[in-house]
Amino acid sequence: MKWPRFAVTASMAAGLALVLQAEQGPAPPPGGAPGQGGAGARQGGGRAAGKYNVDANWARLPAGTTWNGNTSWITTDGKGQVMVLVRTAPYFRVLTRDGVFVSAFGNDGLFESAHSVTIDTQGALWVTDSAAHVVHKLSRDGRLLMTLGRKGVAGDNAARDLFNQPNHVAIAPNGDIYVSDGYVNARVVHFSKDGQFVRIIGGVKGSQPGQLQLPHGVALDSKGRILVNDSDNQRVSVFDKNGTFVEAWPYPSRGGIAVAADDTVYISDVNAGIVNIVKNGTLIDSVSAERAHGMGIDSDGSIYVSGASRMTVMKITKRQ
């Protein structure tokens, strides 16, 4: 079994170069990154040396195949399956929690630069294509259901129906859509479940409270608060359900963000190589995970991390 060959066009290469450049981000500050014992971190727990198993050999692809591209993102459906988004076709690789290969789909040319995937409670896939400036909603078998943005057309921080290299999506319990539009812009855009514009969260670049600098992920907690990976500011900015700034948590965040049923928040950072585990804004644990770009959590407590340019995926479980 061989994956199809993938040709990179000039426009795709240019868009991907911008994304990869942005993914490098600033180095952690002297004395350690926030959430790693660095100055300013809210300490409620230490780095979790030896407390977790980090299995980089968890995924078992079919014989004779490799990832054959950057493993940009990873997520779960909460029902026993894990999905890896790769930047080359077939873009979607599906495995069981035990790492057994299930399927692969997504034909060559579907995306210019596949960046992240979110699976909603109905099983639909929400995929950001950063270089094309769009978000696609797909059925579980890859059929296009909705597109937000316009392919190849970039918008500014005031645009209501355009993005500039969006990078992540969160779906609210009522189906509302939150798009992290951050590689060039500095905002999260809120839409109704049928794609109608609701509001802009943030929208001003900077480091002051409520301002954002390269948002790289978005999640919602049980209160409906909007948690934004404010990655160049090395923090998570928290907004209420109406988009009003509440507070900031000092943890590096150039990666994914996910919220468990008990409101424990998991925040990954590709540069620090870490997943910080936070409750009520306070650090309770940290796990080392090389190039922790994409991240998802499962209902059984497992954490999954994709190493992007390392072409790796990891399963993290707590030792018994």
C-alpha atoms as a PDB file:
ATOM      1  CA  MET A   1       0.000   0.000   0.000  1.00  0.00           C
ATOM      2  CA  LYS A   2       1.502   3.365  -1.056  1.00  0.00           C
ATOM      3  CA  TRP A   3       0.154   6.841  -0.503  1.00  0.00           C
ATOM      4  CA  PRO A   4      -0.258   8.889  -3.704  1.00  0.00           C
ATOM      5  CA  ARG A   5       2.577  11.184  -4.712  1.00  0.00           C
ATOM      6  CA  PHE A   6       2.083  14.843  -3.848  1.00  0.00           C
ATOM      7  CA  ALA A   7       3.193  17.796  -5.998  1.00  0.00           C
ATOM      8  CA  VAL A   8       3.727  21.160  -4.261  1.00  0.00           C
ATOM      9  CA  THR A   9       2.815  24.189  -6.342  1.00  0.00           C
ATOM     10  CA  ALA A  10       4.541  27.559  -5.988  1.00  0.00           C
ATOM     11  CA  SER A  11       1.516  29.170  -4.303  1.00  0.00           C
ATOM     12  CA  MET A  12       1.220  26.295  -1.859  1.00  0.00           C
ATOM     13  CA  ALA A  13       4.928  26.489  -1.048  1.00  0.00           C
ATOM     14  CA  ALA A  14       4.721  30.231  -0.396  1.00  0.00           C
ATOM     15  CA  GLY A  15       1.745  29.872   1.912  1.00  0.00           C
ATOM     16  CA  LEU A  16       3.287  26.964   3.759  1.00  0.00           C
ATOM     17  CA  ALA A  17       6.539  28.877   4.207  1.00  0.00           C
ATOM     18  CA  LEU A  18       4.649  31.680   5.947  1.00  0.00           C
ATOM     19  CA  VAL A  19       2.917  29.213   8.249  1.00  0.00           C
ATOM     20  CA  LEU A  20       6.142  27.369   9.098  1.00  0.00           C
ATOM     21  CA  GLN A  21       7.925  30.661   9.771  1.00  0.00           C
ATOM     22  CA  ALA A  22       5.130  31.739  12.100  1.00  0.00           C
ATOM     23  CA  GLU A  23       5.157  28.377  13.869  1.00  0.00           C
ATOM     24  CA  GLN A  24       8.708  28.951  15.064  1.00  0.00           C
ATOM     25  CA  GLY A  25       7.615  31.797  17.322  1.00  0.00           C
ATOM     26  CA  PRO A  26       9.671  33.455  20.036  1.00  0.00           C
ATOM     27  CA  ALA A  27      11.972  31.457  22.288  1.00  0.00           C
ATOM     28  CA  PRO A  28      10.833  30.890  25.893  1.00  0.00           C
ATOM     29  CA  PRO A  29      11.935  33.756  28.157  1.00  0.00           C
ATOM     30  CA  PRO A  30      15.083  33.493  30.290  1.00  0.00           C
ATOM     31  CA  GLY A  31      14.570  31.394  33.391  1.00  0.00           C
ATOM     32  CA  GLY A  32      12.153  29.020  31.669  1.00  0.00           C
ATOM     33  CA  ALA A  33       8.897  29.346  29.836  1.00  0.00           C
ATOM     34  CA  PRO A  34       5.827  30.216  31.871  1.00  0.00           C
ATOM     35  CA  GLY A  35       4.318  26.997  33.073  1.00  0.00           C
ATOM     36  CA  GLN A  36       7.784  25.410  33.336  1.00  0.00           C
ATOM     37  CA  GLY A  37       8.678  27.029  36.604  1.00  0.00           C
ATOM     38  CA  GLY A  38       9.483  30.325  34.866  1.00  0.00           C
ATOM     39  CA  ALA A  39       8.870  33.658  36.500  1.00  0.00           C
ATOM     40  CA  GLY A  40       5.237  34.663  36.615  1.00  0.00           C
ATOM     41  CA  ALA A  41       3.689  31.201  36.318  1.00  0.00           C
ATOM     42  CA  ARG A  42       0.891  30.397  38.742  1.00  0.00           C
ATOM     43  CA  GLN A  43       2.401  27.384  40.443  1.00  0.00           C
ATOM     44  CA  GLY A  44       0.121  24.598  41.629  1.00  0.00           C
ATOM     45  CA  GLY A  45       2.300  21.684  40.537  1.00  0.00           C
ATOM     46  CA  GLY A  46       5.684  20.888  39.071  1.00  0.00           C
ATOM     47  CA  ARG A  47       7.023  19.426  35.869  1.00  0.00           C
ATOM     48  CA  ALA A  48       5.802  15.858  35.643  1.00  0.00           C
ATOM     49  CA  ALA A  49       9.056  13.955  35.313  1.00  0.00           C
ATOM     50  CA  GLY A  50       8.320  10.256  35.235  1.00  0.00           C
ATOM     51  CA  LYS A  51       4.618  10.673  35.916  1.00  0.00           C
ATOM     52  CA  TYR A  52       3.564  10.117  32.312  1.00  0.00           C
ATOM     53  CA  ASN A  53       4.269   7.649  29.544  1.00  0.00           C
ATOM     54  CA  VAL A  54       5.026   9.443  26.263  1.00  0.00           C
ATOM     55  CA  ASP A  55       4.759   6.856  23.486  1.00  0.00           C
ATOM     56  CA  ALA A  56       6.159   8.077  20.166  1.00  0.00           C
ATOM     57  CA  ASN A  57       5.675   4.626  18.588  1.00  0.00           C
ATOM     58  CA  TRP A  58       1.972   4.351  19.384  1.00  0.00           C
ATOM     59  CA  ALA A  59       0.675   4.692  15.799  1.00  0.00           C
ATOM     60  CA  ARG A  60       1.038   1.658  13.529  1.00  0.00           C
ATOM     61  CA  LEU A  61       0.671   2.573   9.855  1.00  0.00           C
ATOM     62  CA  PRO A  62       0.180  -0.070   7.144  1.00  0.00           C
ATOM     63  CA  ALA A  63       3.330  -1.917   6.102  1.00  0.00           C
ATOM     64  CA  GLY A  64       5.373   0.003   3.555  1.00  0.00           C
ATOM     65  CA  THR A  65       3.867   3.409   4.352  1.00  0.00           C
ATOM     66  CA  THR A  66       5.013   6.434   6.337  1.00  0.00           C
ATOM     67  CA  TRP A  67       3.368   9.711   7.295  1.00  0.00           C
ATOM     68  CA  ASN A  68       4.953  11.158   4.126  1.00  0.00           C
ATOM     69  CA  GLY A  69       4.405  14.714   5.343  1.00  0.00           C
ATOM     70  CA  ASN A  70       4.191  16.967   8.375  1.00  0.00           C
ATOM     71  CA  THR A  71       1.815  15.610  11.010  1.00  0.00           C
ATOM     72  CA  SER A  72       0.280  19.018  11.605  1.00  0.00           C
ATOM     73  CA  TRP A  73      -2.599  18.144  13.944  1.00  0.00           C
ATOM     74  CA  ILE A  74      -4.171  15.352  15.941  1.00  0.00           C
ATOM     75  CA  THR A  75      -7.580  15.053  17.594  1.00  0.00           C
ATOM     76  CA  THR A  76     -10.068  12.484  18.853  1.00  0.00           C
ATOM     77  CA  ASP A  77     -13.756  11.807  18.356  1.00  0.00           C
ATOM     78  CA  GLY A  78     -14.261  10.777  21.995  1.00  0.00           C
ATOM     79  CA  LYS A  79     -15.588   7.421  20.819  1.00  0.00           C
ATOM     80  CA  GLY A  80     -12.402   5.449  20.425  1.00  0.00           C
ATOM     81  CA  GLN A  81     -10.848   6.853  17.257  1.00  0.00           C
ATOM     82  CA  VAL A  82      -7.974   9.284  16.736  1.00  0.00           C
ATOM     83  CA  MET A  83      -7.455  11.394  13.603  1.00  0.00           C
ATOM     84  CA  VAL A  84      -4.112  12.710  12.381  1.00  0.00           C
ATOM     85  CA  LEU A  85      -4.074  15.567   9.869  1.00  0.00           C
ATOM     86  CA  VAL A  86      -1.069  15.365   7.546  1.00  0.00           C
ATOM     87  CA  ARG A  87      -0.029  18.098   5.134  1.00  0.00           C
ATOM     88  CA  THR A  88       0.191  15.668   2.225  1.00  0.00           C
ATOM     89  CA  ALA A  89      -2.485  13.384   0.784  1.00  0.00           C
ATOM     90  CA  PRO A  90      -4.165  11.361   2.047  1.00  0.00           C
ATOM     91  CA  TYR A  91      -4.633  14.182   4.540  1.00  0.00           C
ATOM     92  CA  PHE A  92      -6.629  12.245   7.129  1.00  0.00           C
ATOM     93  CA  ARG A  93      -5.252   9.123   8.839  1.00  0.00           C
ATOM     94  CA  VAL A  94      -7.598   7.424  11.304  1.00  0.00           C
ATOM     95  CA  LEU A  95      -6.441   5.068  14.050  1.00  0.00           C
ATOM     96  CA  THR A  96      -7.881   3.408  17.120  1.00  0.00           C
ATOM     97  CA  ARG A  97      -6.840   4.447  20.621  1.00  0.00           C
ATOM     98  CA  ASP A  98      -4.470   1.472  20.536  1.00  0.00           C
ATOM     99  CA  GLY A  99      -2.759   2.832  17.422  1.00  0.00           C
ATOM    100  CA  VAL A 100      -4.285   0.353  14.958  1.00  0.00           C
ATOM    101  CA  PHE A 101      -4.715   1.841  11.479  1.00  0.00           C
ATOM    102  CA  VAL A 102      -8.370   2.194  10.406  1.00  0.00           C
ATOM    103  CA  SER A 103      -8.466   4.275   7.220  1.00  0.00           C
ATOM    104  CA  ALA A 104      -6.956   7.116   5.201  1.00  0.00           C
ATOM    105  CA  PHE A 105      -8.767   9.594   2.974  1.00  0.00           C
ATOM    106  CA  GLY A 106      -8.532  13.065   1.463  1.00  0.00           C
ATOM    107  CA  ASN A 107      -7.447  13.348  -2.151  1.00  0.00           C
ATOM    108  CA  ASP A 108      -4.442  15.301  -3.391  1.00  0.00           C
ATOM    109  CA  GLY A 109      -5.310  18.987  -3.922  1.00  0.00           C
ATOM    110  CA  LEU A 110      -8.048  19.194  -1.289  1.00  0.00           C
ATOM    111  CA  PHE A 111      -5.952  21.661   0.758  1.00  0.00           C
ATOM    112  CA  GLU A 112      -3.117  24.069   0.106  1.00  0.00           C
ATOM    113  CA  SER A 113      -1.799  23.877   3.673  1.00  0.00           C
ATOM    114  CA  ALA A 114      -3.838  21.657   5.995  1.00  0.00           C
ATOM    115  CA  HIS A 115      -3.224  23.037   9.476  1.00  0.00           C
ATOM    116  CA  SER A 116      -5.735  21.759  12.065  1.00  0.00           C
ATOM    117  CA  VAL A 117      -8.756  19.500  12.400  1.00  0.00           C
ATOM    118  CA  THR A 118     -11.551  19.567  14.985  1.00  0.00           C
ATOM    119  CA  ILE A 119     -14.245  16.890  15.239  1.00  0.00           C
ATOM    120  CA  ASP A 120     -17.605  18.163  16.511  1.00  0.00           C
ATOM    121  CA  THR A 121     -20.162  16.170  18.495  1.00  0.00           C
ATOM    122  CA  GLN A 122     -21.978  15.202  15.287  1.00  0.00           C
ATOM    123  CA  GLY A 123     -18.805  13.766  13.803  1.00  0.00           C
ATOM    124  CA  ALA A 124     -18.198  16.545  11.264  1.00  0.00           C
ATOM    125  CA  LEU A 125     -14.621  17.655  10.556  1.00  0.00           C
ATOM    126  CA  TRP A 126     -13.614  21.327  10.735  1.00  0.00           C
ATOM    127  CA  VAL A 127     -10.340  21.865   8.918  1.00  0.00           C
ATOM    128  CA  THR A 128      -8.302  25.051   8.616  1.00  0.00           C
ATOM    129  CA  ASP A 129      -6.449  25.561   5.326  1.00  0.00           C
ATOM    130  CA  SER A 130      -4.153  28.394   6.324  1.00  0.00           C
ATOM    131  CA  ALA A 131      -2.562  29.171   2.965  1.00  0.00           C
ATOM    132  CA  ALA A 132      -5.970  29.247   1.233  1.00  0.00           C
ATOM    133  CA  HIS A 133      -7.534  31.466   3.961  1.00  0.00           C
ATOM    134  CA  VAL A 134     -10.498  29.140   4.480  1.00  0.00           C
ATOM    135  CA  VAL A 135     -12.162  26.795   6.949  1.00  0.00           C
ATOM    136  CA  HIS A 136     -13.908  23.711   5.577  1.00  0.00           C
ATOM    137  CA  LYS A 137     -16.599  21.652   7.261  1.00  0.00           C
ATOM    138  CA  LEU A 138     -16.457  18.080   5.948  1.00  0.00           C
ATOM    139  CA  SER A 139     -18.470  14.959   6.575  1.00  0.00           C
ATOM    140  CA  ARG A 140     -16.650  12.074   8.224  1.00  0.00           C
ATOM    141  CA  ASP A 141     -16.073  10.558   4.778  1.00  0.00           C
ATOM    142  CA  GLY A 142     -14.663  13.803   3.374  1.00  0.00           C
ATOM    143  CA  ARG A 143     -17.653  15.419   1.614  1.00  0.00           C
ATOM    144  CA  LEU A 144     -17.684  19.226   1.703  1.00  0.00           C
ATOM    145  CA  LEU A 145     -20.568  20.595   3.812  1.00  0.00           C
ATOM    146  CA  MET A 146     -19.630  24.245   4.363  1.00  0.00           C
ATOM    147  CA  THR A 147     -16.816  26.701   3.692  1.00  0.00           C
ATOM    148  CA  LEU A 148     -16.061  29.833   5.693  1.00  0.00           C
ATOM    149  CA  GLY A 149     -13.897  32.439   3.993  1.00  0.00           C
ATOM    150  CA  ARG A 150     -13.040  32.620   0.307  1.00  0.00           C
ATOM    151  CA  LYS A 151     -10.233  30.579  -1.176  1.00  0.00           C
ATOM    152  CA  GLY A 152      -7.213  32.700  -1.997  1.00  0.00           C
ATOM    153  CA  VAL A 153      -8.758  35.931  -0.641  1.00  0.00           C
ATOM    154  CA  ALA A 154      -7.304  37.401   2.554  1.00  0.00           C
ATOM    155  CA  GLY A 155      -9.178  39.664   4.965  1.00  0.00           C
ATOM    156  CA  ASP A 156      -8.075  42.062   7.688  1.00  0.00           C
ATOM    157  CA  ASN A 157      -9.012  42.236  11.376  1.00  0.00           C
ATOM    158  CA  ALA A 158     -12.324  43.937  10.579  1.00  0.00           C
ATOM    159  CA  ALA A 159     -13.485  41.455   7.922  1.00  0.00           C
ATOM    160  CA  ARG A 160     -16.658  39.507   8.689  1.00  0.00           C
ATOM    161  CA  ASP A 161     -16.407  36.827   6.014  1.00  0.00           C
ATOM    162  CA  LEU A 162     -12.682  36.617   5.212  1.00  0.00           C
ATOM    163  CA  PHE A 163      -9.620  35.350   7.093  1.00  0.00           C
ATOM    164  CA  ASN A 164      -5.872  35.697   6.757  1.00  0.00           C
ATOM    165  CA  GLN A 165      -4.317  32.276   7.429  1.00  0.00           C
ATOM    166  CA  PRO A 166      -6.759  30.860  10.014  1.00  0.00           C
ATOM    167  CA  ASN A 167      -5.281  28.097  12.142  1.00  0.00           C
ATOM    168  CA  HIS A 168      -7.848  26.430  14.446  1.00  0.00           C
ATOM    169  CA  VAL A 169     -11.577  25.991  15.120  1.00  0.00           C
ATOM    170  CA  ALA A 170     -13.656  25.329  18.237  1.00  0.00           C
ATOM    171  CA  ILE A 171     -17.318  24.308  18.149  1.00  0.00           C
ATOM    172  CA  ALA A 172     -19.661  25.278  20.998  1.00  0.00           C
ATOM    173  CA  PRO A 173     -22.273  22.871  22.400  1.00  0.00           C
ATOM    174  CA  ASN A 174     -24.973  24.809  20.496  1.00  0.00           C
ATOM    175  CA  GLY A 175     -23.015  24.447  17.234  1.00  0.00           C
ATOM    176  CA  ASP A 176     -21.604  27.993  17.124  1.00  0.00           C
ATOM    177  CA  ILE A 177     -18.228  28.243  15.392  1.00  0.00           C
ATOM    178  CA  TYR A 178     -15.109  29.988  16.693  1.00  0.00           C
ATOM    179  CA  VAL A 179     -12.232  30.483  14.235  1.00  0.00           C
ATOM    180  CA  SER A 180      -8.735  31.378  15.406  1.00  0.00           C
ATOM    181  CA  ASP A 181      -7.596  33.788  12.681  1.00  0.00           C
ATOM    182  CA  GLY A 182      -4.097  34.430  13.846  1.00  0.00           C
ATOM    183  CA  TYR A 183      -1.124  33.919  11.564  1.00  0.00           C
ATOM    184  CA  VAL A 184      -1.581  37.417  10.138  1.00  0.00           C
ATOM    185  CA  ASN A 185      -4.641  38.788  11.950  1.00  0.00           C
ATOM    186  CA  ALA A 186      -5.076  38.941  15.728  1.00  0.00           C
ATOM    187  CA  ARG A 187      -8.541  37.686  16.512  1.00  0.00           C
ATOM    188  CA  VAL A 188     -11.084  34.929  16.932  1.00  0.00           C
ATOM    189  CA  VAL A 189     -14.196  35.186  14.756  1.00  0.00           C
ATOM    190  CA  HIS A 190     -17.496  33.877  16.161  1.00  0.00           C
ATOM    191  CA  PHE A 191     -20.168  32.535  13.773  1.00  0.00           C
ATOM    192  CA  SER A 192     -23.553  30.928  14.322  1.00  0.00           C
ATOM    193  CA  LYS A 193     -23.851  27.221  13.526  1.00  0.00           C
ATOM    194  CA  ASP A 194     -25.040  28.048   9.994  1.00  0.00           C
ATOM    195  CA  GLY A 195     -22.056  30.318   9.335  1.00  0.00           C
ATOM    196  CA  GLN A 196     -23.566  33.740  10.049  1.00  0.00           C
ATOM    197  CA  PHE A 197     -21.189  36.305  11.529  1.00  0.00           C
ATOM    198  CA  VAL A 198     -21.722  37.053  15.231  1.00  0.00           C
ATOM    199  CA  ARG A 199     -18.712  38.967  16.561  1.00  0.00           C
ATOM    200  CA  ILE A 200     -14.951  39.472  16.592  1.00  0.00           C
ATOM    201  CA  ILE A 201     -13.020  38.622  19.750  1.00  0.00           C
ATOM    202  CA  GLY A 202      -9.801  40.598  20.057  1.00  0.00           C
ATOM    203  CA  GLY A 203      -8.946  42.125  16.694  1.00  0.00           C
ATOM    204  CA  VAL A 204      -6.157  44.420  17.920  1.00  0.00           C
ATOM    205  CA  LYS A 205      -2.527  43.347  17.784  1.00  0.00           C
ATOM    206  CA  GLY A 206      -0.487  43.919  20.907  1.00  0.00           C
ATOM    207  CA  SER A 207       0.366  42.719  24.380  1.00  0.00           C
ATOM    208  CA  GLN A 208      -2.063  44.782  26.456  1.00  0.00           C
ATOM    209  CA  PRO A 209      -5.006  43.009  28.180  1.00  0.00           C
ATOM    210  CA  GLY A 210      -7.517  41.966  25.514  1.00  0.00           C
ATOM    211  CA  GLN A 211      -5.065  42.437  22.667  1.00  0.00           C
ATOM    212  CA  LEU A 212      -3.741  39.378  20.834  1.00  0.00           C
ATOM    213  CA  GLN A 213      -0.527  38.549  19.041  1.00  0.00           C
ATOM    214  CA  LEU A 214      -0.747  35.486  16.775  1.00  0.00           C
ATOM    215  CA  PRO A 215      -3.641  33.520  18.253  1.00  0.00           C
ATOM    216  CA  HIS A 216      -2.944  29.849  17.526  1.00  0.00           C
ATOM    217  CA  GLY A 217      -5.880  27.984  19.045  1.00  0.00           C
ATOM    218  CA  VAL A 218      -9.274  28.430  20.651  1.00  0.00           C
ATOM    219  CA  ALA A 219     -11.418  26.432  23.073  1.00  0.00           C
ATOM    220  CA  LEU A 220     -14.511  26.926  25.229  1.00  0.00           C
ATOM    221  CA  ASP A 221     -14.981  25.982  28.869  1.00  0.00           C
ATOM    222  CA  SER A 222     -18.212  24.950  30.591  1.00  0.00           C
ATOM    223  CA  LYS A 223     -19.034  28.604  31.362  1.00  0.00           C
ATOM    224  CA  GLY A 224     -18.871  29.485  27.685  1.00  0.00           C
ATOM    225  CA  ARG A 225     -15.663  31.440  28.193  1.00  0.00           C
ATOM    226  CA  ILE A 226     -13.417  31.687  25.129  1.00  0.00           C
ATOM    227  CA  LEU A 227      -9.828  30.566  25.739  1.00  0.00           C
ATOM    228  CA  VAL A 228      -7.360  31.810  23.139  1.00  0.00           C
ATOM    229  CA  ASN A 229      -3.776  30.645  22.605  1.00  0.00           C
ATOM    230  CA  ASP A 230      -2.239  34.136  22.478  1.00  0.00           C
ATOM    231  CA  SER A 231       0.987  32.591  21.327  1.00  0.00           C
ATOM    232  CA  ASP A 232       3.397  35.450  20.622  1.00  0.00           C
ATOM    233  CA  ASN A 233       2.478  36.864  24.029  1.00  0.00           C
ATOM    234  CA  GLN A 234       3.142  33.404  25.525  1.00  0.00           C
ATOM    235  CA  ARG A 235      -0.149  33.314  27.359  1.00  0.00           C
ATOM    236  CA  VAL A 236      -3.740  32.172  27.145  1.00  0.00           C
ATOM    237  CA  SER A 237      -6.165  35.086  26.961  1.00  0.00           C
ATOM    238  CA  VAL A 238      -9.581  34.435  28.474  1.00  0.00           C
ATOM    239  CA  PHE A 239     -12.746  36.207  27.270  1.00  0.00           C
ATOM    240  CA  ASP A 240     -16.312  35.852  28.510  1.00  0.00           C
ATOM    241  CA  LYS A 241     -19.067  34.512  26.238  1.00  0.00           C
ATOM    242  CA  ASN A 242     -19.720  38.040  24.949  1.00  0.00           C
ATOM    243  CA  GLY A 243     -16.089  38.556  23.950  1.00  0.00           C
ATOM    244  CA  THR A 244     -15.078  40.763  26.876  1.00  0.00           C
ATOM    245  CA  PHE A 245     -11.562  40.192  28.190  1.00  0.00           C
ATOM    246  CA  VAL A 246     -11.428  38.539  31.634  1.00  0.00           C
ATOM    247  CA  GLU A 247      -7.845  37.511  32.414  1.00  0.00           C
ATOM    248  CA  ALA A 248      -4.641  35.995  31.014  1.00  0.00           C
ATOM    249  CA  TRP A 249      -2.773  32.846  32.040  1.00  0.00           C
ATOM    250  CA  PRO A 250       1.030  32.878  31.592  1.00  0.00           C
ATOM    251  CA  TYR A 251       1.658  29.669  29.640  1.00  0.00           C
ATOM    252  CA  PRO A 252       3.367  29.251  26.244  1.00  0.00           C
ATOM    253  CA  SER A 253       0.729  28.430  23.665  1.00  0.00           C
ATOM    254  CA  ARG A 254       2.064  28.026  20.108  1.00  0.00           C
ATOM    255  CA  GLY A 255       0.144  24.788  19.739  1.00  0.00           C
ATOM    256  CA  GLY A 256      -3.243  23.343  20.619  1.00  0.00           C
ATOM    257  CA  ILE A 257      -5.701  23.916  23.442  1.00  0.00           C
ATOM    258  CA  ALA A 258      -8.410  21.586  24.706  1.00  0.00           C
ATOM    259  CA  VAL A 259     -10.798  21.562  27.668  1.00  0.00           C
ATOM    260  CA  ALA A 260     -11.862  18.383  29.473  1.00  0.00           C
ATOM    261  CA  ALA A 261     -15.333  17.791  30.902  1.00  0.00           C
ATOM    262  CA  ASP A 262     -14.162  18.956  34.348  1.00  0.00           C
ATOM    263  CA  ASP A 263     -12.707  22.180  32.881  1.00  0.00           C
ATOM    264  CA  THR A 264      -9.106  21.025  33.090  1.00  0.00           C
ATOM    265  CA  VAL A 265      -7.309  22.838  30.263  1.00  0.00           C
ATOM    266  CA  TYR A 266      -4.488  21.329  28.195  1.00  0.00           C
ATOM    267  CA  ILE A 267      -2.164  23.735  26.354  1.00  0.00           C
ATOM    268  CA  SER A 268       0.656  22.641  24.034  1.00  0.00           C
ATOM    269  CA  ASP A 269       3.588  24.636  22.732  1.00  0.00           C
ATOM    270  CA  VAL A 270       5.683  23.604  19.729  1.00  0.00           C
ATOM    271  CA  ASN A 271       8.773  25.598  20.742  1.00  0.00           C
ATOM    272  CA  ALA A 272       8.904  24.716  24.434  1.00  0.00           C
ATOM    273  CA  GLY A 273       8.039  21.093  23.613  1.00  0.00           C
ATOM    274  CA  ILE A 274       5.530  20.893  26.418  1.00  0.00           C
ATOM    275  CA  VAL A 275       1.916  20.277  27.350  1.00  0.00           C
ATOM    276  CA  ASN A 276       0.842  22.318  30.358  1.00  0.00           C
ATOM    277  CA  ILE A 277      -2.173  21.100  32.328  1.00  0.00           C
ATOM    278  CA  VAL A 278      -4.101  23.894  34.011  1.00  0.00           C
ATOM    279  CA  LYS A 279      -7.102  24.143  36.330  1.00  0.00           C
ATOM    280  CA  ASN A 280      -8.726  27.503  37.125  1.00  0.00           C
ATOM    281  CA  GLY A 281      -5.706  29.200  35.579  1.00  0.00           C
ATOM    282  CA  THR A 282      -3.251  27.379  37.864  1.00  0.00           C
ATOM    283  CA  LEU A 283      -0.626  24.938  36.652  1.00  0.00           C
ATOM    284  CA  ILE A 284      -1.170  21.412  37.975  1.00  0.00           C
ATOM    285  CA  ASP A 285       1.169  19.393  35.719  1.00  0.00           C
ATOM    286  CA  SER A 286       3.495  19.631  32.721  1.00  0.00           C
ATOM    287  CA  VAL A 287       4.561  16.947  30.275  1.00  0.00           C
ATOM    288  CA  SER A 288       7.509  17.125  27.887  1.00  0.00           C
ATOM    289  CA  ALA A 289       6.536  16.329  24.284  1.00  0.00           C
ATOM    290  CA  GLU A 290       8.899  17.229  21.463  1.00  0.00           C
ATOM    291  CA  ARG A 291       7.531  19.774  18.964  1.00  0.00           C
ATOM    292  CA  ALA A 292       4.051  19.649  20.534  1.00  0.00           C
ATOM    293  CA  HIS A 293       2.091  21.412  17.783  1.00  0.00           C
ATOM    294  CA  GLY A 294      -1.272  19.719  17.290  1.00  0.00           C
ATOM    295  CA  MET A 295      -2.977  18.288  20.361  1.00  0.00           C
ATOM    296  CA  GLY A 296      -6.165  16.486  21.332  1.00  0.00           C
ATOM    297  CA  ILE A 297      -7.518  14.860  24.472  1.00  0.00           C
ATOM    298  CA  ASP A 298      -9.663  11.761  24.831  1.00  0.00           C
ATOM    299  CA  SER A 299     -12.501  10.882  27.177  1.00  0.00           C
ATOM    300  CA  ASP A 300     -10.311   8.188  28.768  1.00  0.00           C
ATOM    301  CA  GLY A 301      -7.770  10.810  29.900  1.00  0.00           C
ATOM    302  CA  SER A 302      -5.197  10.227  27.165  1.00  0.00           C
ATOM    303  CA  ILE A 303      -3.428  13.156  25.506  1.00  0.00           C
ATOM    304  CA  TYR A 304      -2.358  12.988  21.859  1.00  0.00           C
ATOM    305  CA  VAL A 305       0.302  15.265  20.383  1.00  0.00           C
ATOM    306  CA  SER A 306       1.564  15.671  16.821  1.00  0.00           C
ATOM    307  CA  GLY A 307       5.138  16.746  16.227  1.00  0.00           C
ATOM    308  CA  ALA A 308       4.442  18.570  12.927  1.00  0.00           C
ATOM    309  CA  SER A 309       7.813  18.879  11.155  1.00  0.00           C
ATOM    310  CA  ARG A 310       9.124  15.861  13.067  1.00  0.00           C
ATOM    311  CA  MET A 311       6.469  13.703  11.353  1.00  0.00           C
ATOM    312  CA  THR A 312       5.654  12.091  14.679  1.00  0.00           C
ATOM    313  CA  VAL A 313       2.587  11.499  16.803  1.00  0.00           C
ATOM    314  CA  MET A 314       2.620  10.707  20.505  1.00  0.00           C
ATOM    315  CA  LYS A 315       0.183   9.226  22.997  1.00  0.00           C
ATOM    316  CA  ILE A 316       0.567  10.474  26.561  1.00  0.00           C
ATOM    317  CA  THR A 317      -0.921   8.541  29.449  1.00  0.00           C
ATOM    318  CA  LYS A 318      -0.530   8.934  33.199  1.00  0.00           C
ATOM    319  CA  ARG A 319       1.359   6.152  34.935  1.00  0.00           C
ATOM    320  CA  GLN A 320      -0.761   4.014  37.238  1.00  0.00           C
END
